[in-house]
């Protein structure tokens, strides 16, 4: 089996992070992106913070894979 990978940076510009909890907004972004990419066969395989600010994740790196022929 062969796979290809897609890495997306998820986060919104203009977030004021310090002291604010944006977990719900980030979760919604992961869900929307995953559902959209899933239509084309992409599967989410990992998510981790790529930018921390004030102890909170400001951006996430989401890695997707799909099988290629």
PDB file of N, CA and C in Angstrom:
ATOM      1  N   UNK A   1       0.834  -1.189   0.000  1.00  0.00           N
ATOM      2  CA  UNK A   1       0.000   0.000   0.000  1.00  0.00           C
ATOM      3  C   UNK A   1       0.878   1.252   0.000  1.00  0.00           C
ATOM      4  N   UNK A   2       0.428   2.243  -0.735  1.00  0.00           N
ATOM      5  CA  UNK A   2       1.114   3.534  -0.766  1.00  0.00           C
ATOM      6  C   UNK A   2       0.157   4.603  -0.266  1.00  0.00           C
ATOM      7  N   UNK A   3       0.728   5.577   0.428  1.00  0.00           N
ATOM      8  CA  UNK A   3      -0.070   6.665   0.982  1.00  0.00           C
ATOM      9  C   UNK A   3       0.520   8.005   0.585  1.00  0.00           C
ATOM     10  N   UNK A   4      -0.332   9.003   0.552  1.00  0.00           N
ATOM     11  CA  UNK A   4       0.139  10.379   0.442  1.00  0.00           C
ATOM     12  C   UNK A   4      -0.366  11.117   1.680  1.00  0.00           C
ATOM     13  N   UNK A   5       0.334  12.189   2.019  1.00  0.00           N
ATOM     14  CA  UNK A   5       0.042  12.916   3.251  1.00  0.00           C
ATOM     15  C   UNK A   5      -0.213  14.388   2.957  1.00  0.00           C
ATOM     16  N   UNK A   6      -1.075  14.973   3.755  1.00  0.00           N
ATOM     17  CA  UNK A   6      -1.418  16.397   3.668  1.00  0.00           C
ATOM     18  C   UNK A   6      -1.338  16.957   5.082  1.00  0.00           C
ATOM     19  N   UNK A   7      -0.620  18.053   5.252  1.00  0.00           N
ATOM     20  CA  UNK A   7      -0.514  18.687   6.560  1.00  0.00           C
ATOM     21  C   UNK A   7      -1.144  20.069   6.471  1.00  0.00           C
ATOM     22  N   UNK A   8      -2.084  20.316   7.367  1.00  0.00           N
ATOM     23  CA  UNK A   8      -2.805  21.590   7.397  1.00  0.00           C
ATOM     24  C   UNK A   8      -2.493  22.331   8.688  1.00  0.00           C
ATOM     25  N   UNK A   9      -2.302  23.639   8.578  1.00  0.00           N
ATOM     26  CA  UNK A   9      -2.178  24.501   9.750  1.00  0.00           C
ATOM     27  C   UNK A   9      -3.568  25.063  10.020  1.00  0.00           C
ATOM     28  N   UNK A  10      -4.091  24.771  11.205  1.00  0.00           N
ATOM     29  CA  UNK A  10      -5.433  25.215  11.564  1.00  0.00           C
ATOM     30  C   UNK A  10      -5.350  26.273  12.652  1.00  0.00           C
ATOM     31  N   UNK A  11      -5.962  27.390  12.408  1.00  0.00           N
ATOM     32  CA  UNK A  11      -5.988  28.492  13.355  1.00  0.00           C
ATOM     33  C   UNK A  11      -6.556  29.705  12.654  1.00  0.00           C
ATOM     34  N   UNK A  12      -7.105  30.593  13.415  1.00  0.00           N
ATOM     35  CA  UNK A  12      -7.693  31.796  12.824  1.00  0.00           C
ATOM     36  C   UNK A  12      -6.868  33.008  13.173  1.00  0.00           C
ATOM     37  N   UNK A  13      -6.752  33.889  12.224  1.00  0.00           N
ATOM     38  CA  UNK A  13      -6.080  35.165  12.482  1.00  0.00           C
ATOM     39  C   UNK A  13      -6.964  36.006  13.393  1.00  0.00           C
ATOM     40  N   UNK A  14      -6.321  36.803  14.211  1.00  0.00           N
ATOM     41  CA  UNK A  14      -7.077  37.698  15.073  1.00  0.00           C
ATOM     42  C   UNK A  14      -7.486  37.099  16.398  1.00  0.00           C
ATOM     43  N   UNK A  15      -7.069  35.842  16.669  1.00  0.00           N
ATOM     44  CA  UNK A  15      -7.367  35.265  17.973  1.00  0.00           C
ATOM     45  C   UNK A  15      -6.618  36.026  19.047  1.00  0.00           C
ATOM     46  N   UNK A  16      -7.304  36.378  20.076  1.00  0.00           N
ATOM     47  CA  UNK A  16      -6.642  36.919  21.252  1.00  0.00           C
ATOM     48  C   UNK A  16      -6.549  35.754  22.215  1.00  0.00           C
ATOM     49  N   UNK A  17      -5.366  35.197  22.378  1.00  0.00           N
ATOM     50  CA  UNK A  17      -5.192  33.929  23.063  1.00  0.00           C
ATOM     51  C   UNK A  17      -5.032  34.071  24.570  1.00  0.00           C
ATOM     52  N   UNK A  18      -4.229  34.980  25.009  1.00  0.00           N
ATOM     53  CA  UNK A  18      -3.862  35.062  26.415  1.00  0.00           C
ATOM     54  C   UNK A  18      -5.086  35.043  27.328  1.00  0.00           C
ATOM     55  N   UNK A  19      -5.201  33.989  28.108  1.00  0.00           N
ATOM     56  CA  UNK A  19      -6.292  33.862  29.067  1.00  0.00           C
ATOM     57  C   UNK A  19      -7.605  33.374  28.484  1.00  0.00           C
ATOM     58  N   UNK A  20      -7.715  33.264  27.182  1.00  0.00           N
ATOM     59  CA  UNK A  20      -8.951  32.813  26.548  1.00  0.00           C
ATOM     60  C   UNK A  20      -8.841  31.332  26.179  1.00  0.00           C
ATOM     61  N   UNK A  21      -9.939  30.608  26.325  1.00  0.00           N
ATOM     62  CA  UNK A  21      -9.977  29.193  25.944  1.00  0.00           C
ATOM     63  C   UNK A  21     -10.654  29.080  24.580  1.00  0.00           C
ATOM     64  N   UNK A  22      -9.885  28.679  23.578  1.00  0.00           N
ATOM     65  CA  UNK A  22     -10.399  28.551  22.210  1.00  0.00           C
ATOM     66  C   UNK A  22     -10.551  27.100  21.788  1.00  0.00           C
ATOM     67  N   UNK A  23     -10.664  26.200  22.770  1.00  0.00           N
ATOM     68  CA  UNK A  23     -10.759  24.773  22.472  1.00  0.00           C
ATOM     69  C   UNK A  23     -11.928  24.451  21.555  1.00  0.00           C
ATOM     70  N   UNK A  24     -13.085  25.027  21.835  1.00  0.00           N
ATOM     71  CA  UNK A  24     -14.274  24.753  21.024  1.00  0.00           C
ATOM     72  C   UNK A  24     -14.086  25.222  19.585  1.00  0.00           C
ATOM     73  N   UNK A  25     -13.506  26.402  19.412  1.00  0.00           N
ATOM     74  CA  UNK A  25     -13.294  26.930  18.065  1.00  0.00           C
ATOM     75  C   UNK A  25     -12.283  26.092  17.302  1.00  0.00           C
ATOM     76  N   UNK A  26     -11.196  25.687  17.972  1.00  0.00           N
ATOM     77  CA  UNK A  26     -10.196  24.846  17.316  1.00  0.00           C
ATOM     78  C   UNK A  26     -10.779  23.477  16.981  1.00  0.00           C
ATOM     79  N   UNK A  27     -11.576  22.914  17.896  1.00  0.00           N
ATOM     80  CA  UNK A  27     -12.217  21.617  17.634  1.00  0.00           C
ATOM     81  C   UNK A  27     -13.152  21.706  16.432  1.00  0.00           C
ATOM     82  N   UNK A  28     -13.880  22.802  16.332  1.00  0.00           N
ATOM     83  CA  UNK A  28     -14.786  23.001  15.196  1.00  0.00           C
ATOM     84  C   UNK A  28     -13.995  23.081  13.885  1.00  0.00           C
ATOM     85  N   UNK A  29     -12.854  23.770  13.910  1.00  0.00           N
ATOM     86  CA  UNK A  29     -12.020  23.875  12.715  1.00  0.00           C
ATOM     87  C   UNK A  29     -11.490  22.508  12.294  1.00  0.00           C
ATOM     88  N   UNK A  30     -11.062  21.693  13.273  1.00  0.00           N
ATOM     89  CA  UNK A  30     -10.573  20.340  12.964  1.00  0.00           C
ATOM     90  C   UNK A  30     -11.706  19.515  12.363  1.00  0.00           C
ATOM     91  N   UNK A  31     -12.889  19.601  12.949  1.00  0.00           N
ATOM     92  CA  UNK A  31     -14.029  18.831  12.450  1.00  0.00           C
ATOM     93  C   UNK A  31     -14.418  19.249  11.038  1.00  0.00           C
ATOM     94  N   UNK A  32     -14.545  20.544  10.802  1.00  0.00           N
ATOM     95  CA  UNK A  32     -14.930  21.025   9.473  1.00  0.00           C
ATOM     96  C   UNK A  32     -13.899  20.642   8.412  1.00  0.00           C
ATOM     97  N   UNK A  33     -12.622  20.831   8.734  1.00  0.00           N
ATOM     98  CA  UNK A  33     -11.554  20.490   7.787  1.00  0.00           C
ATOM     99  C   UNK A  33     -11.525  18.987   7.530  1.00  0.00           C
ATOM    100  N   UNK A  34     -11.666  18.198   8.589  1.00  0.00           N
ATOM    101  CA  UNK A  34     -11.634  16.737   8.452  1.00  0.00           C
ATOM    102  C   UNK A  34     -12.810  16.232   7.627  1.00  0.00           C
ATOM    103  N   UNK A  35     -13.982  16.790   7.858  1.00  0.00           N
ATOM    104  CA  UNK A  35     -15.157  16.373   7.076  1.00  0.00           C
ATOM    105  C   UNK A  35     -14.987  16.730   5.605  1.00  0.00           C
ATOM    106  N   UNK A  36     -14.443  17.909   5.338  1.00  0.00           N
ATOM    107  CA  UNK A  36     -14.240  18.334   3.948  1.00  0.00           C
ATOM    108  C   UNK A  36     -13.210  17.448   3.251  1.00  0.00           C
ATOM    109  N   UNK A  37     -12.074  17.219   3.907  1.00  0.00           N
ATOM    110  CA  UNK A  37     -11.036  16.380   3.308  1.00  0.00           C
ATOM    111  C   UNK A  37     -11.468  14.916   3.240  1.00  0.00           C
ATOM    112  N   UNK A  38     -12.278  14.486   4.210  1.00  0.00           N
ATOM    113  CA  UNK A  38     -12.764  13.105   4.232  1.00  0.00           C
ATOM    114  C   UNK A  38     -13.579  12.761   2.996  1.00  0.00           C
ATOM    115  N   UNK A  39     -14.225  13.745   2.408  1.00  0.00           N
ATOM    116  CA  UNK A  39     -15.000  13.513   1.180  1.00  0.00           C
ATOM    117  C   UNK A  39     -14.105  13.045   0.037  1.00  0.00           C
ATOM    118  N   UNK A  40     -12.827  13.409   0.113  1.00  0.00           N
ATOM    119  CA  UNK A  40     -11.870  13.013  -0.921  1.00  0.00           C
ATOM    120  C   UNK A  40     -10.966  11.875  -0.457  1.00  0.00           C
ATOM    121  N   UNK A  41     -11.358  11.206   0.634  1.00  0.00           N
ATOM    122  CA  UNK A  41     -10.620  10.031   1.087  1.00  0.00           C
ATOM    123  C   UNK A  41      -9.506  10.283   2.082  1.00  0.00           C
ATOM    124  N   UNK A  42      -9.351  11.515   2.563  1.00  0.00           N
ATOM    125  CA  UNK A  42      -8.309  11.833   3.536  1.00  0.00           C
ATOM    126  C   UNK A  42      -8.763  11.417   4.927  1.00  0.00           C
ATOM    127  N   UNK A  43      -7.832  10.846   5.701  1.00  0.00           N
ATOM    128  CA  UNK A  43      -8.095  10.414   7.067  1.00  0.00           C
ATOM    129  C   UNK A  43      -7.170  11.180   8.014  1.00  0.00           C
ATOM    130  N   UNK A  44      -7.731  11.754   9.067  1.00  0.00           N
ATOM    131  CA  UNK A  44      -6.937  12.469  10.064  1.00  0.00           C
ATOM    132  C   UNK A  44      -6.142  11.455  10.870  1.00  0.00           C
ATOM    133  N   UNK A  45      -4.810  11.656  10.950  1.00  0.00           N
ATOM    134  CA  UNK A  45      -3.990  10.714  11.707  1.00  0.00           C
ATOM    135  C   UNK A  45      -3.289  11.343  12.904  1.00  0.00           C
ATOM    136  N   UNK A  46      -3.142  12.669  12.929  1.00  0.00           N
ATOM    137  CA  UNK A  46      -2.559  13.307  14.110  1.00  0.00           C
ATOM    138  C   UNK A  46      -2.868  14.794  14.140  1.00  0.00           C
ATOM    139  N   UNK A  47      -2.906  15.313  15.360  1.00  0.00           N
ATOM    140  CA  UNK A  47      -3.095  16.745  15.592  1.00  0.00           C
ATOM    141  C   UNK A  47      -2.199  17.124  16.763  1.00  0.00           C
ATOM    142  N   UNK A  48      -1.451  18.212  16.597  1.00  0.00           N
ATOM    143  CA  UNK A  48      -0.689  18.710  17.734  1.00  0.00           C
ATOM    144  C   UNK A  48      -0.508  20.211  17.607  1.00  0.00           C
ATOM    145  N   UNK A  49      -0.288  20.881  18.739  1.00  0.00           N
ATOM    146  CA  UNK A  49      -0.151  22.338  18.705  1.00  0.00           C
ATOM    147  C   UNK A  49       1.115  22.764  17.988  1.00  0.00           C
ATOM    148  N   UNK A  50       0.999  23.784  17.162  1.00  0.00           N
ATOM    149  CA  UNK A  50       2.179  24.296  16.461  1.00  0.00           C
ATOM    150  C   UNK A  50       2.556  25.675  16.960  1.00  0.00           C
ATOM    151  N   UNK A  51       1.639  26.331  17.663  1.00  0.00           N
ATOM    152  CA  UNK A  51       1.914  27.655  18.206  1.00  0.00           C
ATOM    153  C   UNK A  51       1.187  27.781  19.532  1.00  0.00           C
ATOM    154  N   UNK A  52       1.946  28.055  20.565  1.00  0.00           N
ATOM    155  CA  UNK A  52       1.372  28.241  21.894  1.00  0.00           C
ATOM    156  C   UNK A  52       1.470  29.714  22.259  1.00  0.00           C
ATOM    157  N   UNK A  53       0.453  30.212  22.933  1.00  0.00           N
ATOM    158  CA  UNK A  53       0.450  31.605  23.363  1.00  0.00           C
ATOM    159  C   UNK A  53      -0.281  31.693  24.692  1.00  0.00           C
ATOM    160  N   UNK A  54       0.391  32.172  25.694  1.00  0.00           N
ATOM    161  CA  UNK A  54      -0.238  32.309  26.999  1.00  0.00           C
ATOM    162  C   UNK A  54      -0.708  30.991  27.570  1.00  0.00           C
ATOM    163  N   UNK A  55      -0.017  29.895  27.247  1.00  0.00           N
ATOM    164  CA  UNK A  55      -0.379  28.577  27.761  1.00  0.00           C
ATOM    165  C   UNK A  55      -1.482  27.879  26.992  1.00  0.00           C
ATOM    166  N   UNK A  56      -1.958  28.473  25.914  1.00  0.00           N
ATOM    167  CA  UNK A  56      -3.029  27.869  25.113  1.00  0.00           C
ATOM    168  C   UNK A  56      -2.553  27.650  23.686  1.00  0.00           C
ATOM    169  N   UNK A  57      -3.121  26.653  23.031  1.00  0.00           N
ATOM    170  CA  UNK A  57      -2.792  26.396  21.627  1.00  0.00           C
ATOM    171  C   UNK A  57      -3.457  27.456  20.760  1.00  0.00           C
ATOM    172  N   UNK A  58      -2.654  28.128  19.960  1.00  0.00           N
ATOM    173  CA  UNK A  58      -3.182  29.142  19.050  1.00  0.00           C
ATOM    174  C   UNK A  58      -3.371  28.578  17.652  1.00  0.00           C
ATOM    175  N   UNK A  59      -2.521  27.625  17.280  1.00  0.00           N
ATOM    176  CA  UNK A  59      -2.614  26.969  15.976  1.00  0.00           C
ATOM    177  C   UNK A  59      -2.319  25.488  16.158  1.00  0.00           C
ATOM    178  N   UNK A  60      -2.881  24.697  15.268  1.00  0.00           N
ATOM    179  CA  UNK A  60      -2.683  23.251  15.288  1.00  0.00           C
ATOM    180  C   UNK A  60      -2.135  22.792  13.950  1.00  0.00           C
ATOM    181  N   UNK A  61      -1.327  21.740  13.979  1.00  0.00           N
ATOM    182  CA  UNK A  61      -0.921  21.045  12.759  1.00  0.00           C
ATOM    183  C   UNK A  61      -1.721  19.758  12.700  1.00  0.00           C
ATOM    184  N   UNK A  62      -2.475  19.584  11.643  1.00  0.00           N
ATOM    185  CA  UNK A  62      -3.284  18.381  11.450  1.00  0.00           C
ATOM    186  C   UNK A  62      -2.716  17.617  10.261  1.00  0.00           C
ATOM    187  N   UNK A  63      -2.412  16.344  10.468  1.00  0.00           N
ATOM    188  CA  UNK A  63      -1.851  15.502   9.418  1.00  0.00           C
ATOM    189  C   UNK A  63      -2.914  14.517   8.942  1.00  0.00           C
ATOM    190  N   UNK A  64      -3.083  14.455   7.629  1.00  0.00           N
ATOM    191  CA  UNK A  64      -4.060  13.570   6.987  1.00  0.00           C
ATOM    192  C   UNK A  64      -3.323  12.638   6.040  1.00  0.00           C
ATOM    193  N   UNK A  65      -3.890  11.457   5.829  1.00  0.00           N
ATOM    194  CA  UNK A  65      -3.324  10.541   4.837  1.00  0.00           C
ATOM    195  C   UNK A  65      -4.455   9.915   4.034  1.00  0.00           C
ATOM    196  N   UNK A  66      -4.093   9.466   2.827  1.00  0.00           N
ATOM    197  CA  UNK A  66      -5.017   8.684   2.022  1.00  0.00           C
ATOM    198  C   UNK A  66      -4.211   7.743   1.156  1.00  0.00           C
ATOM    199  N   UNK A  67      -4.847   6.651   0.801  1.00  0.00           N
ATOM    200  CA  UNK A  67      -4.216   5.640  -0.030  1.00  0.00           C
ATOM    201  C   UNK A  67      -4.166   6.113  -1.477  1.00  0.00           C
ATOM    202  N   UNK A  68      -3.055   5.829  -2.141  1.00  0.00           N
ATOM    203  CA  UNK A  68      -2.925   6.129  -3.565  1.00  0.00           C
ATOM    204  C   UNK A  68      -2.775   4.826  -4.318  1.00  0.00           C
ATOM    205  N   UNK A  69      -3.185   4.850  -5.555  1.00  0.00           N
ATOM    206  CA  UNK A  69      -3.090   3.629  -6.391  1.00  0.00           C
ATOM    207  C   UNK A  69      -1.761   3.545  -7.072  1.00  0.00           C
TER     208      UNK A  69
END
